[in-house]
């Protein structure tokens, strides 16, 4: 999936109006509504950048067979602390 043409990149030293942690069902909607209202919004998301091919339209498989590409059952860490523990020193 390509990046939206109206997305904005901010430098790490630039002030923004809102920072939203997680782009799940609520975070994505809040980010859209705030940005549409003219606020500068940054969304932080853990995990890899996923492309359209990483998703499936099989609700049964996702819910019951855990067919997601990025999942704790497949050994992917779910917290920053877990990621730090898995990195070799």
PDB file of N, CA and C in Angstrom:
ATOM      1  N   UNK A   1       0.856  -1.159   0.000  1.00  0.00           N
ATOM      2  CA  UNK A   1       0.000   0.000   0.000  1.00  0.00           C
ATOM      3  C   UNK A   1       0.903   1.222   0.000  1.00  0.00           C
ATOM      4  N   UNK A   2       0.648   2.162  -0.864  1.00  0.00           N
ATOM      5  CA  UNK A   2       1.506   3.337  -0.937  1.00  0.00           C
ATOM      6  C   UNK A   2       1.115   4.355   0.122  1.00  0.00           C
ATOM      7  N   UNK A   3       2.085   5.173   0.454  1.00  0.00           N
ATOM      8  CA  UNK A   3       1.849   6.207   1.453  1.00  0.00           C
ATOM      9  C   UNK A   3       0.887   7.250   0.892  1.00  0.00           C
ATOM     10  N   UNK A   4       0.011   7.756   1.701  1.00  0.00           N
ATOM     11  CA  UNK A   4      -0.963   8.746   1.250  1.00  0.00           C
ATOM     12  C   UNK A   4      -0.250   9.979   0.714  1.00  0.00           C
ATOM     13  N   UNK A   5      -0.761  10.536  -0.363  1.00  0.00           N
ATOM     14  CA  UNK A   5      -0.105  11.679  -0.995  1.00  0.00           C
ATOM     15  C   UNK A   5      -0.173  12.934  -0.132  1.00  0.00           C
ATOM     16  N   UNK A   6      -1.099  12.999   0.805  1.00  0.00           N
ATOM     17  CA  UNK A   6      -1.215  14.183   1.648  1.00  0.00           C
ATOM     18  C   UNK A   6      -0.542  14.003   3.010  1.00  0.00           C
ATOM     19  N   UNK A   7       0.259  12.940   3.186  1.00  0.00           N
ATOM     20  CA  UNK A   7       0.947  12.754   4.463  1.00  0.00           C
ATOM     21  C   UNK A   7       2.102  13.738   4.575  1.00  0.00           C
ATOM     22  N   UNK A   8       2.416  14.092   5.800  1.00  0.00           N
ATOM     23  CA  UNK A   8       3.456  15.081   6.079  1.00  0.00           C
ATOM     24  C   UNK A   8       4.495  14.421   6.960  1.00  0.00           C
ATOM     25  N   UNK A   9       5.763  14.707   6.705  1.00  0.00           N
ATOM     26  CA  UNK A   9       6.832  14.207   7.573  1.00  0.00           C
ATOM     27  C   UNK A   9       7.346  15.369   8.400  1.00  0.00           C
ATOM     28  N   UNK A  10       7.489  15.145   9.707  1.00  0.00           N
ATOM     29  CA  UNK A  10       7.987  16.159  10.624  1.00  0.00           C
ATOM     30  C   UNK A  10       9.382  15.778  11.090  1.00  0.00           C
ATOM     31  N   UNK A  11      10.221  16.779  11.309  1.00  0.00           N
ATOM     32  CA  UNK A  11      11.526  16.490  11.901  1.00  0.00           C
ATOM     33  C   UNK A  11      11.320  16.185  13.381  1.00  0.00           C
ATOM     34  N   UNK A  12      12.294  15.522  13.992  1.00  0.00           N
ATOM     35  CA  UNK A  12      12.142  15.124  15.393  1.00  0.00           C
ATOM     36  C   UNK A  12      12.151  16.315  16.342  1.00  0.00           C
ATOM     37  N   UNK A  13      12.606  17.470  15.881  1.00  0.00           N
ATOM     38  CA  UNK A  13      12.645  18.646  16.754  1.00  0.00           C
ATOM     39  C   UNK A  13      11.451  19.577  16.547  1.00  0.00           C
ATOM     40  N   UNK A  14      10.589  19.243  15.620  1.00  0.00           N
ATOM     41  CA  UNK A  14       9.442  20.108  15.313  1.00  0.00           C
ATOM     42  C   UNK A  14       8.276  19.849  16.263  1.00  0.00           C
ATOM     43  N   UNK A  15       7.651  20.922  16.725  1.00  0.00           N
ATOM     44  CA  UNK A  15       6.473  20.796  17.588  1.00  0.00           C
ATOM     45  C   UNK A  15       5.255  20.394  16.767  1.00  0.00           C
ATOM     46  N   UNK A  16       4.444  19.502  17.330  1.00  0.00           N
ATOM     47  CA  UNK A  16       3.178  19.115  16.699  1.00  0.00           C
ATOM     48  C   UNK A  16       2.070  19.279  17.733  1.00  0.00           C
ATOM     49  N   UNK A  17       0.848  19.323  17.252  1.00  0.00           N
ATOM     50  CA  UNK A  17      -0.288  19.507  18.155  1.00  0.00           C
ATOM     51  C   UNK A  17      -0.637  18.236  18.925  1.00  0.00           C
ATOM     52  N   UNK A  18      -0.601  17.085  18.250  1.00  0.00           N
ATOM     53  CA  UNK A  18      -0.995  15.825  18.877  1.00  0.00           C
ATOM     54  C   UNK A  18      -0.064  14.705  18.460  1.00  0.00           C
ATOM     55  N   UNK A  19       0.232  13.813  19.408  1.00  0.00           N
ATOM     56  CA  UNK A  19       0.939  12.567  19.131  1.00  0.00           C
ATOM     57  C   UNK A  19       0.006  11.442  19.558  1.00  0.00           C
ATOM     58  N   UNK A  20      -0.291  10.556  18.637  1.00  0.00           N
ATOM     59  CA  UNK A  20      -1.190   9.436  18.916  1.00  0.00           C
ATOM     60  C   UNK A  20      -0.360   8.163  18.888  1.00  0.00           C
ATOM     61  N   UNK A  21      -0.453   7.395  19.952  1.00  0.00           N
ATOM     62  CA  UNK A  21       0.286   6.140  20.037  1.00  0.00           C
ATOM     63  C   UNK A  21      -0.646   5.010  19.631  1.00  0.00           C
ATOM     64  N   UNK A  22      -0.357   4.417  18.491  1.00  0.00           N
ATOM     65  CA  UNK A  22      -1.162   3.314  17.977  1.00  0.00           C
ATOM     66  C   UNK A  22      -2.202   3.778  16.974  1.00  0.00           C
ATOM     67  N   UNK A  23      -2.214   3.133  15.820  1.00  0.00           N
ATOM     68  CA  UNK A  23      -3.168   3.515  14.781  1.00  0.00           C
ATOM     69  C   UNK A  23      -4.268   2.476  14.634  1.00  0.00           C
ATOM     70  N   UNK A  24      -4.648   1.878  15.752  1.00  0.00           N
ATOM     71  CA  UNK A  24      -5.743   0.911  15.728  1.00  0.00           C
ATOM     72  C   UNK A  24      -7.057   1.592  15.388  1.00  0.00           C
ATOM     73  N   UNK A  25      -8.138   0.929  15.682  1.00  0.00           N
ATOM     74  CA  UNK A  25      -9.447   1.454  15.274  1.00  0.00           C
ATOM     75  C   UNK A  25      -9.711   2.859  15.799  1.00  0.00           C
ATOM     76  N   UNK A  26      -9.368   3.141  17.031  1.00  0.00           N
ATOM     77  CA  UNK A  26      -9.606   4.488  17.573  1.00  0.00           C
ATOM     78  C   UNK A  26      -8.514   5.457  17.158  1.00  0.00           C
ATOM     79  N   UNK A  27      -7.255   5.035  17.225  1.00  0.00           N
ATOM     80  CA  UNK A  27      -6.148   5.929  16.904  1.00  0.00           C
ATOM     81  C   UNK A  27      -6.195   6.447  15.472  1.00  0.00           C
ATOM     82  N   UNK A  28      -6.531   5.584  14.535  1.00  0.00           N
ATOM     83  CA  UNK A  28      -6.624   5.991  13.138  1.00  0.00           C
ATOM     84  C   UNK A  28      -7.725   7.012  12.905  1.00  0.00           C
ATOM     85  N   UNK A  29      -8.859   6.795  13.529  1.00  0.00           N
ATOM     86  CA  UNK A  29      -9.992   7.725  13.380  1.00  0.00           C
ATOM     87  C   UNK A  29      -9.675   9.068  14.027  1.00  0.00           C
ATOM     88  N   UNK A  30      -9.093   9.031  15.219  1.00  0.00           N
ATOM     89  CA  UNK A  30      -8.743  10.286  15.894  1.00  0.00           C
ATOM     90  C   UNK A  30      -7.725  11.069  15.084  1.00  0.00           C
ATOM     91  N   UNK A  31      -6.711  10.373  14.550  1.00  0.00           N
ATOM     92  CA  UNK A  31      -5.693  11.040  13.733  1.00  0.00           C
ATOM     93  C   UNK A  31      -6.318  11.698  12.502  1.00  0.00           C
ATOM     94  N   UNK A  32      -7.226  10.987  11.860  1.00  0.00           N
ATOM     95  CA  UNK A  32      -7.891  11.530  10.669  1.00  0.00           C
ATOM     96  C   UNK A  32      -8.730  12.754  11.018  1.00  0.00           C
ATOM     97  N   UNK A  33      -9.495  12.660  12.086  1.00  0.00           N
ATOM     98  CA  UNK A  33     -10.373  13.766  12.472  1.00  0.00           C
ATOM     99  C   UNK A  33      -9.567  15.000  12.888  1.00  0.00           C
ATOM    100  N   UNK A  34      -8.505  14.803  13.665  1.00  0.00           N
ATOM    101  CA  UNK A  34      -7.687  15.940  14.096  1.00  0.00           C
ATOM    102  C   UNK A  34      -6.964  16.585  12.922  1.00  0.00           C
ATOM    103  N   UNK A  35      -6.411  15.763  12.029  1.00  0.00           N
ATOM    104  CA  UNK A  35      -5.698  16.329  10.885  1.00  0.00           C
ATOM    105  C   UNK A  35      -6.657  17.032   9.929  1.00  0.00           C
ATOM    106  N   UNK A  36      -7.868  16.494   9.770  1.00  0.00           N
ATOM    107  CA  UNK A  36      -8.869  17.147   8.927  1.00  0.00           C
ATOM    108  C   UNK A  36      -9.278  18.499   9.514  1.00  0.00           C
ATOM    109  N   UNK A  37      -9.249  18.596  10.845  1.00  0.00           N
ATOM    110  CA  UNK A  37      -9.592  19.850  11.519  1.00  0.00           C
ATOM    111  C   UNK A  37      -8.439  20.859  11.487  1.00  0.00           C
ATOM    112  N   UNK A  38      -7.309  20.468  10.897  1.00  0.00           N
ATOM    113  CA  UNK A  38      -6.196  21.401  10.736  1.00  0.00           C
ATOM    114  C   UNK A  38      -5.069  21.269  11.742  1.00  0.00           C
ATOM    115  N   UNK A  39      -5.137  20.301  12.626  1.00  0.00           N
ATOM    116  CA  UNK A  39      -4.071  20.099  13.609  1.00  0.00           C
ATOM    117  C   UNK A  39      -2.930  19.299  12.990  1.00  0.00           C
ATOM    118  N   UNK A  40      -1.719  19.519  13.502  1.00  0.00           N
ATOM    119  CA  UNK A  40      -0.595  18.679  13.094  1.00  0.00           C
ATOM    120  C   UNK A  40      -0.589  17.449  13.992  1.00  0.00           C
ATOM    121  N   UNK A  41      -0.536  16.272  13.361  1.00  0.00           N
ATOM    122  CA  UNK A  41      -0.689  15.015  14.082  1.00  0.00           C
ATOM    123  C   UNK A  41       0.419  14.049  13.683  1.00  0.00           C
ATOM    124  N   UNK A  42       1.005  13.394  14.673  1.00  0.00           N
ATOM    125  CA  UNK A  42       1.975  12.334  14.430  1.00  0.00           C
ATOM    126  C   UNK A  42       1.407  11.060  15.037  1.00  0.00           C
ATOM    127  N   UNK A  43       1.461   9.964  14.279  1.00  0.00           N
ATOM    128  CA  UNK A  43       0.992   8.667  14.762  1.00  0.00           C
ATOM    129  C   UNK A  43       2.206   7.759  14.907  1.00  0.00           C
ATOM    130  N   UNK A  44       2.392   7.197  16.098  1.00  0.00           N
ATOM    131  CA  UNK A  44       3.482   6.257  16.353  1.00  0.00           C
ATOM    132  C   UNK A  44       2.912   4.851  16.330  1.00  0.00           C
ATOM    133  N   UNK A  45       3.578   3.973  15.619  1.00  0.00           N
ATOM    134  CA  UNK A  45       3.097   2.601  15.496  1.00  0.00           C
ATOM    135  C   UNK A  45       4.265   1.649  15.682  1.00  0.00           C
ATOM    136  N   UNK A  46       4.060   0.621  16.479  1.00  0.00           N
ATOM    137  CA  UNK A  46       5.091  -0.385  16.689  1.00  0.00           C
ATOM    138  C   UNK A  46       5.014  -1.433  15.593  1.00  0.00           C
ATOM    139  N   UNK A  47       6.134  -2.032  15.299  1.00  0.00           N
ATOM    140  CA  UNK A  47       6.150  -3.121  14.329  1.00  0.00           C
ATOM    141  C   UNK A  47       6.598  -2.646  12.962  1.00  0.00           C
ATOM    142  N   UNK A  48       6.657  -3.564  12.024  1.00  0.00           N
ATOM    143  CA  UNK A  48       7.159  -3.242  10.685  1.00  0.00           C
ATOM    144  C   UNK A  48       6.126  -2.485   9.858  1.00  0.00           C
ATOM    145  N   UNK A  49       6.601  -1.870   8.781  1.00  0.00           N
ATOM    146  CA  UNK A  49       5.686  -1.244   7.824  1.00  0.00           C
ATOM    147  C   UNK A  49       5.049  -2.366   7.016  1.00  0.00           C
ATOM    148  N   UNK A  50       3.737  -2.480   7.077  1.00  0.00           N
ATOM    149  CA  UNK A  50       3.042  -3.543   6.376  1.00  0.00           C
ATOM    150  C   UNK A  50       2.512  -3.038   5.047  1.00  0.00           C
ATOM    151  N   UNK A  51       2.560  -3.896   4.052  1.00  0.00           N
ATOM    152  CA  UNK A  51       2.039  -3.575   2.719  1.00  0.00           C
ATOM    153  C   UNK A  51       0.706  -4.291   2.526  1.00  0.00           C
ATOM    154  N   UNK A  52       0.000  -3.962   1.475  1.00  0.00           N
ATOM    155  CA  UNK A  52      -1.316  -4.554   1.221  1.00  0.00           C
ATOM    156  C   UNK A  52      -1.235  -6.080   1.160  1.00  0.00           C
ATOM    157  N   UNK A  53      -0.144  -6.617   0.640  1.00  0.00           N
ATOM    158  CA  UNK A  53       0.004  -8.072   0.515  1.00  0.00           C
ATOM    159  C   UNK A  53       0.112  -8.763   1.874  1.00  0.00           C
ATOM    160  N   UNK A  54       0.423  -8.011   2.928  1.00  0.00           N
ATOM    161  CA  UNK A  54       0.536  -8.580   4.267  1.00  0.00           C
ATOM    162  C   UNK A  54      -0.820  -8.818   4.925  1.00  0.00           C
ATOM    163  N   UNK A  55      -1.883  -8.315   4.330  1.00  0.00           N
ATOM    164  CA  UNK A  55      -3.217  -8.429   4.911  1.00  0.00           C
ATOM    165  C   UNK A  55      -4.043  -9.451   4.142  1.00  0.00           C
ATOM    166  N   UNK A  56      -5.051  -9.968   4.817  1.00  0.00           N
ATOM    167  CA  UNK A  56      -5.930 -10.944   4.197  1.00  0.00           C
ATOM    168  C   UNK A  56      -7.381 -10.527   4.417  1.00  0.00           C
ATOM    169  N   UNK A  57      -8.255 -11.020   3.574  1.00  0.00           N
ATOM    170  CA  UNK A  57      -9.683 -10.734   3.734  1.00  0.00           C
ATOM    171  C   UNK A  57     -10.406 -11.952   4.310  1.00  0.00           C
ATOM    172  N   UNK A  58      -9.661 -12.792   5.003  1.00  0.00           N
ATOM    173  CA  UNK A  58     -10.211 -13.996   5.599  1.00  0.00           C
ATOM    174  C   UNK A  58     -10.391 -13.775   7.092  1.00  0.00           C
ATOM    175  N   UNK A  59     -11.545 -13.277   7.496  1.00  0.00           N
ATOM    176  CA  UNK A  59     -11.783 -12.974   8.901  1.00  0.00           C
ATOM    177  C   UNK A  59     -11.665 -14.220   9.776  1.00  0.00           C
ATOM    178  N   UNK A  60     -12.142 -15.359   9.274  1.00  0.00           N
ATOM    179  CA  UNK A  60     -12.058 -16.598  10.046  1.00  0.00           C
ATOM    180  C   UNK A  60     -10.590 -16.958  10.299  1.00  0.00           C
ATOM    181  N   UNK A  61      -9.777 -16.879   9.265  1.00  0.00           N
ATOM    182  CA  UNK A  61      -8.364 -17.216   9.402  1.00  0.00           C
ATOM    183  C   UNK A  61      -7.648 -16.300  10.375  1.00  0.00           C
ATOM    184  N   UNK A  62      -7.954 -15.020  10.317  1.00  0.00           N
ATOM    185  CA  UNK A  62      -7.317 -14.071  11.223  1.00  0.00           C
ATOM    186  C   UNK A  62      -7.769 -14.310  12.655  1.00  0.00           C
ATOM    187  N   UNK A  63      -9.057 -14.501  12.848  1.00  0.00           N
ATOM    188  CA  UNK A  63      -9.591 -14.635  14.206  1.00  0.00           C
ATOM    189  C   UNK A  63      -9.261 -15.990  14.839  1.00  0.00           C
ATOM    190  N   UNK A  64      -9.416 -17.057  14.093  1.00  0.00           N
ATOM    191  CA  UNK A  64      -9.301 -18.392  14.687  1.00  0.00           C
ATOM    192  C   UNK A  64      -8.001 -19.123  14.349  1.00  0.00           C
ATOM    193  N   UNK A  65      -7.384 -18.811  13.217  1.00  0.00           N
ATOM    194  CA  UNK A  65      -6.146 -19.482  12.829  1.00  0.00           C
ATOM    195  C   UNK A  65      -4.917 -18.606  13.040  1.00  0.00           C
ATOM    196  N   UNK A  66      -5.135 -17.381  13.500  1.00  0.00           N
ATOM    197  CA  UNK A  66      -4.040 -16.448  13.770  1.00  0.00           C
ATOM    198  C   UNK A  66      -3.161 -16.252  12.530  1.00  0.00           C
ATOM    199  N   UNK A  67      -3.794 -15.949  11.399  1.00  0.00           N
ATOM    200  CA  UNK A  67      -3.093 -15.822  10.128  1.00  0.00           C
ATOM    201  C   UNK A  67      -2.438 -14.464   9.896  1.00  0.00           C
ATOM    202  N   UNK A  68      -2.351 -13.628  10.912  1.00  0.00           N
ATOM    203  CA  UNK A  68      -1.695 -12.344  10.719  1.00  0.00           C
ATOM    204  C   UNK A  68      -0.202 -12.535  10.543  1.00  0.00           C
ATOM    205  N   UNK A  69       0.402 -11.705   9.728  1.00  0.00           N
ATOM    206  CA  UNK A  69       1.848 -11.775   9.495  1.00  0.00           C
ATOM    207  C   UNK A  69       2.621 -11.359  10.750  1.00  0.00           C
ATOM    208  N   UNK A  70       2.154 -10.327  11.455  1.00  0.00           N
ATOM    209  CA  UNK A  70       2.847  -9.802  12.632  1.00  0.00           C
ATOM    210  C   UNK A  70       2.047 -10.208  13.853  1.00  0.00           C
ATOM    211  N   UNK A  71       2.529 -11.177  14.589  1.00  0.00           N
ATOM    212  CA  UNK A  71       1.743 -11.717  15.683  1.00  0.00           C
ATOM    213  C   UNK A  71       2.659 -12.281  16.750  1.00  0.00           C
ATOM    214  N   UNK A  72       2.279 -12.139  18.007  1.00  0.00           N
ATOM    215  CA  UNK A  72       3.098 -12.659  19.098  1.00  0.00           C
ATOM    216  C   UNK A  72       3.219 -14.170  19.034  1.00  0.00           C
ATOM    217  N   UNK A  73       2.234 -14.848  18.470  1.00  0.00           N
ATOM    218  CA  UNK A  73       2.293 -16.304  18.363  1.00  0.00           C
ATOM    219  C   UNK A  73       3.376 -16.758  17.399  1.00  0.00           C
ATOM    220  N   UNK A  74       3.806 -15.857  16.526  1.00  0.00           N
ATOM    221  CA  UNK A  74       4.868 -16.182  15.572  1.00  0.00           C
ATOM    222  C   UNK A  74       6.225 -15.670  16.043  1.00  0.00           C
ATOM    223  N   UNK A  75       6.296 -15.294  17.316  1.00  0.00           N
ATOM    224  CA  UNK A  75       7.570 -14.918  17.893  1.00  0.00           C
ATOM    225  C   UNK A  75       7.933 -13.450  17.789  1.00  0.00           C
ATOM    226  N   UNK A  76       7.028 -12.612  17.319  1.00  0.00           N
ATOM    227  CA  UNK A  76       7.308 -11.192  17.226  1.00  0.00           C
ATOM    228  C   UNK A  76       7.068 -10.522  18.571  1.00  0.00           C
ATOM    229  N   UNK A  77       8.028  -9.732  19.049  1.00  0.00           N
ATOM    230  CA  UNK A  77       7.841  -9.060  20.343  1.00  0.00           C
ATOM    231  C   UNK A  77       6.725  -8.032  20.268  1.00  0.00           C
ATOM    232  N   UNK A  78       6.004  -7.864  21.364  1.00  0.00           N
ATOM    233  CA  UNK A  78       4.877  -6.945  21.391  1.00  0.00           C
ATOM    234  C   UNK A  78       5.152  -5.686  22.192  1.00  0.00           C
ATOM    235  N   UNK A  79       6.298  -5.610  22.842  1.00  0.00           N
ATOM    236  CA  UNK A  79       6.643  -4.422  23.603  1.00  0.00           C
ATOM    237  C   UNK A  79       8.077  -4.020  23.301  1.00  0.00           C
ATOM    238  N   UNK A  80       8.410  -2.787  23.572  1.00  0.00           N
ATOM    239  CA  UNK A  80       9.767  -2.299  23.364  1.00  0.00           C
ATOM    240  C   UNK A  80      10.730  -3.069  24.255  1.00  0.00           C
ATOM    241  N   UNK A  81      10.318  -3.368  25.491  1.00  0.00           N
ATOM    242  CA  UNK A  81      11.184  -4.112  26.407  1.00  0.00           C
ATOM    243  C   UNK A  81      11.498  -5.502  25.852  1.00  0.00           C
ATOM    244  N   UNK A  82      10.513  -6.167  25.268  1.00  0.00           N
ATOM    245  CA  UNK A  82      10.756  -7.486  24.676  1.00  0.00           C
ATOM    246  C   UNK A  82      11.716  -7.379  23.510  1.00  0.00           C
ATOM    247  N   UNK A  83      11.600  -6.317  22.714  1.00  0.00           N
ATOM    248  CA  UNK A  83      12.506  -6.125  21.587  1.00  0.00           C
ATOM    249  C   UNK A  83      13.933  -5.928  22.079  1.00  0.00           C
ATOM    250  N   UNK A  84      14.109  -5.159  23.151  1.00  0.00           N
ATOM    251  CA  UNK A  84      15.444  -4.921  23.701  1.00  0.00           C
ATOM    252  C   UNK A  84      16.048  -6.234  24.193  1.00  0.00           C
ATOM    253  N   UNK A  85      15.245  -7.083  24.818  1.00  0.00           N
ATOM    254  CA  UNK A  85      15.742  -8.339  25.360  1.00  0.00           C
ATOM    255  C   UNK A  85      16.173  -9.297  24.256  1.00  0.00           C
ATOM    256  N   UNK A  86      15.536  -9.231  23.074  1.00  0.00           N
ATOM    257  CA  UNK A  86      15.860 -10.146  21.986  1.00  0.00           C
ATOM    258  C   UNK A  86      17.076  -9.699  21.175  1.00  0.00           C
ATOM    259  N   UNK A  87      17.473  -8.427  21.278  1.00  0.00           N
ATOM    260  CA  UNK A  87      18.615  -7.926  20.517  1.00  0.00           C
ATOM    261  C   UNK A  87      19.910  -8.455  21.124  1.00  0.00           C
ATOM    262  N   UNK A  88      20.831  -8.933  20.255  1.00  0.00           N
ATOM    263  CA  UNK A  88      22.129  -9.353  20.791  1.00  0.00           C
ATOM    264  C   UNK A  88      22.935  -8.150  21.243  1.00  0.00           C
ATOM    265  N   UNK A  89      23.685  -8.293  22.317  1.00  0.00           N
ATOM    266  CA  UNK A  89      24.474  -7.174  22.859  1.00  0.00           C
ATOM    267  C   UNK A  89      25.726  -6.948  22.069  1.00  0.00           C
TER     268      UNK A  89
END
